[in-house]
PDB file of all heavy atoms in Angstrom:
ATOM      1  N   GLU A   1      -5.407   4.828   7.061  1.00  0.00           N
ATOM      2  CA  GLU A   1      -5.574   6.041   6.256  1.00  0.00           C
ATOM      3  C   GLU A   1      -4.418   6.128   5.280  1.00  0.00           C
ATOM      4  O   GLU A   1      -3.270   5.852   5.637  1.00  0.00           O
ATOM      5  CB  GLU A   1      -5.590   7.295   7.138  1.00  0.00           C
ATOM      6  CG  GLU A   1      -6.830   7.429   7.985  1.00  0.00           C
ATOM      7  CD  GLU A   1      -6.867   8.739   8.768  1.00  0.00           C
ATOM      8  OE1 GLU A   1      -6.043   9.642   8.479  1.00  0.00           O
ATOM      9  OE2 GLU A   1      -7.698   8.843   9.662  1.00  0.00           O
ATOM     10  N   LEU A   2      -4.727   6.514   4.052  1.00  0.00           N
ATOM     11  CA  LEU A   2      -3.708   6.708   3.029  1.00  0.00           C
ATOM     12  C   LEU A   2      -3.644   8.179   2.665  1.00  0.00           C
ATOM     13  O   LEU A   2      -4.672   8.840   2.539  1.00  0.00           O
ATOM     14  CB  LEU A   2      -4.042   5.880   1.785  1.00  0.00           C
ATOM     15  CG  LEU A   2      -4.027   4.365   1.964  1.00  0.00           C
ATOM     16  CD1 LEU A   2      -4.525   3.688   0.693  1.00  0.00           C
ATOM     17  CD2 LEU A   2      -2.637   3.873   2.312  1.00  0.00           C
ATOM     18  N   ASP A   3      -2.432   8.676   2.507  1.00  0.00           N
ATOM     19  CA  ASP A   3      -2.212  10.061   2.088  1.00  0.00           C
ATOM     20  C   ASP A   3      -1.390   9.997   0.803  1.00  0.00           C
ATOM     21  O   ASP A   3      -0.249   9.526   0.814  1.00  0.00           O
ATOM     22  CB  ASP A   3      -1.473  10.825   3.181  1.00  0.00           C
ATOM     23  CG  ASP A   3      -1.406  12.319   2.904  1.00  0.00           C
ATOM     24  OD1 ASP A   3      -2.048  12.782   1.940  1.00  0.00           O
ATOM     25  OD2 ASP A   3      -0.710  13.033   3.651  1.00  0.00           O
ATOM     26  N   SER A   4      -1.981  10.450  -0.304  1.00  0.00           N
ATOM     27  CA  SER A   4      -1.337  10.307  -1.600  1.00  0.00           C
ATOM     28  C   SER A   4      -1.207  11.652  -2.310  1.00  0.00           C
ATOM     29  O   SER A   4      -2.088  12.495  -2.231  1.00  0.00           O
ATOM     30  CB  SER A   4      -2.149   9.340  -2.465  1.00  0.00           C
ATOM     31  OG  SER A   4      -1.537   9.167  -3.712  1.00  0.00           O
ATOM     32  N   LYS A   5      -0.115  11.791  -3.042  1.00  0.00           N
ATOM     33  CA  LYS A   5       0.114  13.001  -3.829  1.00  0.00           C
ATOM     34  C   LYS A   5      -0.356  12.818  -5.273  1.00  0.00           C
ATOM     35  O   LYS A   5      -0.312  13.753  -6.054  1.00  0.00           O
ATOM     36  CB  LYS A   5       1.599  13.359  -3.811  1.00  0.00           C
ATOM     37  CG  LYS A   5       2.081  13.737  -2.424  1.00  0.00           C
ATOM     38  CD  LYS A   5       3.554  14.047  -2.406  1.00  0.00           C
ATOM     39  CE  LYS A   5       3.983  14.371  -0.980  1.00  0.00           C
ATOM     40  NZ  LYS A   5       5.423  14.476  -0.854  1.00  0.00           N
ATOM     41  N   LEU A   6      -0.790  11.592  -5.643  1.00  0.00           N
ATOM     42  CA  LEU A   6      -1.319  11.344  -6.974  1.00  0.00           C
ATOM     43  C   LEU A   6      -2.374  10.250  -6.905  1.00  0.00           C
ATOM     44  O   LEU A   6      -2.414   9.462  -5.970  1.00  0.00           O
ATOM     45  CB  LEU A   6      -0.212  10.964  -7.956  1.00  0.00           C
ATOM     46  CG  LEU A   6       0.545   9.683  -7.696  1.00  0.00           C
ATOM     47  CD1 LEU A   6       1.122   9.193  -9.009  1.00  0.00           C
ATOM     48  CD2 LEU A   6       1.678   9.938  -6.731  1.00  0.00           C
ATOM     49  N   ALA A   7      -3.252  10.237  -7.884  1.00  0.00           N
ATOM     50  CA  ALA A   7      -4.329   9.255  -7.932  1.00  0.00           C
ATOM     51  C   ALA A   7      -3.814   7.948  -8.530  1.00  0.00           C
ATOM     52  O   ALA A   7      -3.103   7.957  -9.531  1.00  0.00           O
ATOM     53  CB  ALA A   7      -5.494   9.781  -8.761  1.00  0.00           C
ATOM     54  N   LEU A   8      -4.168   6.834  -7.896  1.00  0.00           N
ATOM     55  CA  LEU A   8      -3.783   5.507  -8.365  1.00  0.00           C
ATOM     56  C   LEU A   8      -5.044   4.643  -8.407  1.00  0.00           C
ATOM     57  O   LEU A   8      -5.765   4.557  -7.408  1.00  0.00           O
ATOM     58  CB  LEU A   8      -2.751   4.873  -7.428  1.00  0.00           C
ATOM     59  CG  LEU A   8      -1.437   5.633  -7.254  1.00  0.00           C
ATOM     60  CD1 LEU A   8      -0.612   5.043  -6.133  1.00  0.00           C
ATOM     61  CD2 LEU A   8      -0.648   5.626  -8.554  1.00  0.00           C
ATOM     62  N   ASN A   9      -5.297   4.003  -9.536  1.00  0.00           N
ATOM     63  CA  ASN A   9      -6.505   3.193  -9.691  1.00  0.00           C
ATOM     64  C   ASN A   9      -6.173   1.710  -9.685  1.00  0.00           C
ATOM     65  O   ASN A   9      -5.104   1.300 -10.131  1.00  0.00           O
ATOM     66  CB  ASN A   9      -7.230   3.546 -10.993  1.00  0.00           C
ATOM     67  CG  ASN A   9      -7.759   4.957 -10.954  1.00  0.00           C
ATOM     68  OD1 ASN A   9      -8.220   5.430  -9.929  1.00  0.00           O
ATOM     69  ND2 ASN A   9      -7.679   5.632 -12.083  1.00  0.00           N
ATOM     70  N   GLY A  10      -7.117   0.913  -9.216  1.00  0.00           N
ATOM     71  CA  GLY A  10      -6.958  -0.531  -9.222  1.00  0.00           C
ATOM     72  C   GLY A  10      -5.828  -1.013  -8.341  1.00  0.00           C
ATOM     73  O   GLY A  10      -5.066  -1.895  -8.737  1.00  0.00           O
ATOM     74  N   VAL A  11      -5.730  -0.490  -7.148  1.00  0.00           N
ATOM     75  CA  VAL A  11      -4.639  -0.827  -6.231  1.00  0.00           C
ATOM     76  C   VAL A  11      -5.030  -2.022  -5.364  1.00  0.00           C
ATOM     77  O   VAL A  11      -6.120  -2.058  -4.802  1.00  0.00           O
ATOM     78  CB  VAL A  11      -4.282   0.378  -5.332  1.00  0.00           C
ATOM     79  CG1 VAL A  11      -3.224   0.001  -4.312  1.00  0.00           C
ATOM     80  CG2 VAL A  11      -3.824   1.549  -6.183  1.00  0.00           C
ATOM     81  N   ARG A  12      -4.152  -2.986  -5.262  1.00  0.00           N
ATOM     82  CA  ARG A  12      -4.342  -4.116  -4.364  1.00  0.00           C
ATOM     83  C   ARG A  12      -3.319  -3.985  -3.245  1.00  0.00           C
ATOM     84  O   ARG A  12      -2.121  -3.931  -3.490  1.00  0.00           O
ATOM     85  CB  ARG A  12      -4.148  -5.429  -5.107  1.00  0.00           C
ATOM     86  CG  ARG A  12      -4.373  -6.615  -4.221  1.00  0.00           C
ATOM     87  CD  ARG A  12      -4.338  -7.904  -4.992  1.00  0.00           C
ATOM     88  NE  ARG A  12      -4.509  -9.004  -4.078  1.00  0.00           N
ATOM     89  CZ  ARG A  12      -4.425 -10.256  -4.420  1.00  0.00           C
ATOM     90  NH1 ARG A  12      -4.177 -10.574  -5.666  1.00  0.00           N
ATOM     91  NH2 ARG A  12      -4.596 -11.201  -3.535  1.00  0.00           N
ATOM     92  N   ALA A  13      -3.791  -3.922  -2.014  1.00  0.00           N
ATOM     93  CA  ALA A  13      -2.911  -3.733  -0.863  1.00  0.00           C
ATOM     94  C   ALA A  13      -2.571  -5.076  -0.244  1.00  0.00           C
ATOM     95  O   ALA A  13      -3.440  -5.918  -0.031  1.00  0.00           O
ATOM     96  CB  ALA A  13      -3.589  -2.827   0.158  1.00  0.00           C
ATOM     97  N   VAL A  14      -1.285  -5.275   0.059  1.00  0.00           N
ATOM     98  CA  VAL A  14      -0.802  -6.508   0.672  1.00  0.00           C
ATOM     99  C   VAL A  14      -0.021  -6.147   1.929  1.00  0.00           C
ATOM    100  O   VAL A  14       0.839  -5.260   1.903  1.00  0.00           O
ATOM    101  CB  VAL A  14       0.105  -7.286  -0.312  1.00  0.00           C
ATOM    102  CG1 VAL A  14       0.673  -8.527   0.349  1.00  0.00           C
ATOM    103  CG2 VAL A  14      -0.657  -7.658  -1.569  1.00  0.00           C
ATOM    104  N   TRP A  15      -0.328  -6.823   3.033  1.00  0.00           N
ATOM    105  CA  TRP A  15       0.319  -6.584   4.326  1.00  0.00           C
ATOM    106  C   TRP A  15       1.331  -7.683   4.576  1.00  0.00           C
ATOM    107  O   TRP A  15       1.017  -8.865   4.479  1.00  0.00           O
ATOM    108  CB  TRP A  15      -0.736  -6.581   5.424  1.00  0.00           C
ATOM    109  CG  TRP A  15      -0.198  -6.351   6.790  1.00  0.00           C
ATOM    110  CD1 TRP A  15      -0.134  -7.256   7.807  1.00  0.00           C
ATOM    111  CD2 TRP A  15       0.352  -5.140   7.313  1.00  0.00           C
ATOM    112  NE1 TRP A  15       0.407  -6.683   8.923  1.00  0.00           N
ATOM    113  CE2 TRP A  15       0.715  -5.382   8.638  1.00  0.00           C
ATOM    114  CE3 TRP A  15       0.567  -3.880   6.766  1.00  0.00           C
ATOM    115  CZ2 TRP A  15       1.290  -4.399   9.446  1.00  0.00           C
ATOM    116  CZ3 TRP A  15       1.130  -2.908   7.563  1.00  0.00           C
ATOM    117  CH2 TRP A  15       1.482  -3.171   8.881  1.00  0.00           C
ATOM    118  N   ILE A  16       2.562  -7.331   4.910  1.00  0.00           N
ATOM    119  CA  ILE A  16       3.604  -8.315   5.203  1.00  0.00           C
ATOM    120  C   ILE A  16       4.101  -8.082   6.622  1.00  0.00           C
ATOM    121  O   ILE A  16       4.609  -7.006   6.935  1.00  0.00           O
ATOM    122  CB  ILE A  16       4.773  -8.207   4.204  1.00  0.00           C
ATOM    123  CG1 ILE A  16       4.274  -8.456   2.787  1.00  0.00           C
ATOM    124  CG2 ILE A  16       5.876  -9.188   4.576  1.00  0.00           C
ATOM    125  CD1 ILE A  16       5.317  -8.262   1.720  1.00  0.00           C
ATOM    126  N   ASP A  17       3.945  -9.089   7.461  1.00  0.00           N
ATOM    127  CA  ASP A  17       4.438  -9.033   8.827  1.00  0.00           C
ATOM    128  C   ASP A  17       5.743  -9.820   8.854  1.00  0.00           C
ATOM    129  O   ASP A  17       5.743 -11.041   8.820  1.00  0.00           O
ATOM    130  CB  ASP A  17       3.404  -9.646   9.784  1.00  0.00           C
ATOM    131  CG  ASP A  17       3.824  -9.518  11.229  1.00  0.00           C
ATOM    132  OD1 ASP A  17       4.994  -9.166  11.490  1.00  0.00           O
ATOM    133  OD2 ASP A  17       2.994  -9.774  12.105  1.00  0.00           O
ATOM    134  N   ARG A  18       6.852  -9.122   8.913  1.00  0.00           N
ATOM    135  CA  ARG A  18       8.161  -9.758   8.816  1.00  0.00           C
ATOM    136  C   ARG A  18       8.402 -10.765   9.939  1.00  0.00           C
ATOM    137  O   ARG A  18       9.102 -11.750   9.765  1.00  0.00           O
ATOM    138  CB  ARG A  18       9.258  -8.693   8.847  1.00  0.00           C
ATOM    139  CG  ARG A  18      10.644  -9.315   8.769  1.00  0.00           C
ATOM    140  CD  ARG A  18      11.712  -8.297   8.812  1.00  0.00           C
ATOM    141  NE  ARG A  18      11.732  -7.549   7.573  1.00  0.00           N
ATOM    142  CZ  ARG A  18      12.503  -6.514   7.351  1.00  0.00           C
ATOM    143  NH1 ARG A  18      13.308  -6.096   8.294  1.00  0.00           N
ATOM    144  NH2 ARG A  18      12.484  -5.888   6.212  1.00  0.00           N
ATOM    145  N   ALA A  19       7.811 -10.548  11.093  1.00  0.00           N
ATOM    146  CA  ALA A  19       8.090 -11.400  12.244  1.00  0.00           C
ATOM    147  C   ALA A  19       7.736 -12.858  11.978  1.00  0.00           C
ATOM    148  O   ALA A  19       8.452 -13.754  12.388  1.00  0.00           O
ATOM    149  CB  ALA A  19       7.331 -10.902  13.454  1.00  0.00           C
ATOM    150  N   VAL A  20       6.641 -13.095  11.312  1.00  0.00           N
ATOM    151  CA  VAL A  20       6.226 -14.474  11.065  1.00  0.00           C
ATOM    152  C   VAL A  20       6.342 -14.848   9.594  1.00  0.00           C
ATOM    153  O   VAL A  20       5.943 -15.922   9.200  1.00  0.00           O
ATOM    154  CB  VAL A  20       4.780 -14.712  11.557  1.00  0.00           C
ATOM    155  CG1 VAL A  20       4.713 -14.626  13.046  1.00  0.00           C
ATOM    156  CG2 VAL A  20       3.807 -13.760  10.916  1.00  0.00           C
ATOM    157  N   LEU A  21       6.880 -13.951   8.790  1.00  0.00           N
ATOM    158  CA  LEU A  21       7.056 -14.184   7.364  1.00  0.00           C
ATOM    159  C   LEU A  21       5.777 -14.629   6.686  1.00  0.00           C
ATOM    160  O   LEU A  21       5.763 -15.512   5.851  1.00  0.00           O
ATOM    161  CB  LEU A  21       8.173 -15.207   7.125  1.00  0.00           C
ATOM    162  CG  LEU A  21       9.554 -14.786   7.614  1.00  0.00           C
ATOM    163  CD1 LEU A  21      10.548 -15.906   7.405  1.00  0.00           C
ATOM    164  CD2 LEU A  21      10.029 -13.530   6.900  1.00  0.00           C
ATOM    165  N   GLN A  22       4.676 -14.014   7.075  1.00  0.00           N
ATOM    166  CA  GLN A  22       3.408 -14.299   6.425  1.00  0.00           C
ATOM    167  C   GLN A  22       2.943 -13.075   5.666  1.00  0.00           C
ATOM    168  O   GLN A  22       3.235 -11.957   6.059  1.00  0.00           O
ATOM    169  CB  GLN A  22       2.349 -14.697   7.455  1.00  0.00           C
ATOM    170  CG  GLN A  22       2.642 -16.042   8.092  1.00  0.00           C
ATOM    171  CD  GLN A  22       1.537 -16.477   9.016  1.00  0.00           C
ATOM    172  OE1 GLN A  22       0.566 -15.781   9.209  1.00  0.00           O
ATOM    173  NE2 GLN A  22       1.699 -17.646   9.599  1.00  0.00           N
ATOM    174  N   VAL A  23       2.217 -13.336   4.593  1.00  0.00           N
ATOM    175  CA  VAL A  23       1.692 -12.269   3.752  1.00  0.00           C
ATOM    176  C   VAL A  23       0.172 -12.338   3.804  1.00  0.00           C
ATOM    177  O   VAL A  23      -0.405 -13.404   3.661  1.00  0.00           O
ATOM    178  CB  VAL A  23       2.170 -12.437   2.292  1.00  0.00           C
ATOM    179  CG1 VAL A  23       1.568 -11.375   1.404  1.00  0.00           C
ATOM    180  CG2 VAL A  23       3.683 -12.416   2.228  1.00  0.00           C
ATOM    181  N   TRP A  24      -0.466 -11.194   4.052  1.00  0.00           N
ATOM    182  CA  TRP A  24      -1.924 -11.141   4.069  1.00  0.00           C
ATOM    183  C   TRP A  24      -2.403 -10.088   3.095  1.00  0.00           C
ATOM    184  O   TRP A  24      -1.807  -9.012   2.990  1.00  0.00           O
ATOM    185  CB  TRP A  24      -2.447 -10.743   5.451  1.00  0.00           C
ATOM    186  CG  TRP A  24      -2.252 -11.763   6.510  1.00  0.00           C
ATOM    187  CD1 TRP A  24      -3.009 -12.869   6.729  1.00  0.00           C
ATOM    188  CD2 TRP A  24      -1.233 -11.785   7.498  1.00  0.00           C
ATOM    189  NE1 TRP A  24      -2.526 -13.561   7.803  1.00  0.00           N
ATOM    190  CE2 TRP A  24      -1.442 -12.924   8.294  1.00  0.00           C
ATOM    191  CE3 TRP A  24      -0.159 -10.956   7.790  1.00  0.00           C
ATOM    192  CZ2 TRP A  24      -0.625 -13.252   9.357  1.00  0.00           C
ATOM    193  CZ3 TRP A  24       0.661 -11.276   8.850  1.00  0.00           C
ATOM    194  CH2 TRP A  24       0.426 -12.417   9.608  1.00  0.00           C
TER     195      TRP A  24
END
């Protein structure tokens, strides 16, 4: 769930798990 105070369009979300230094 995202809670935002302003509208943002064309957002690409990237998840970074520091433990294995991988980006998804």
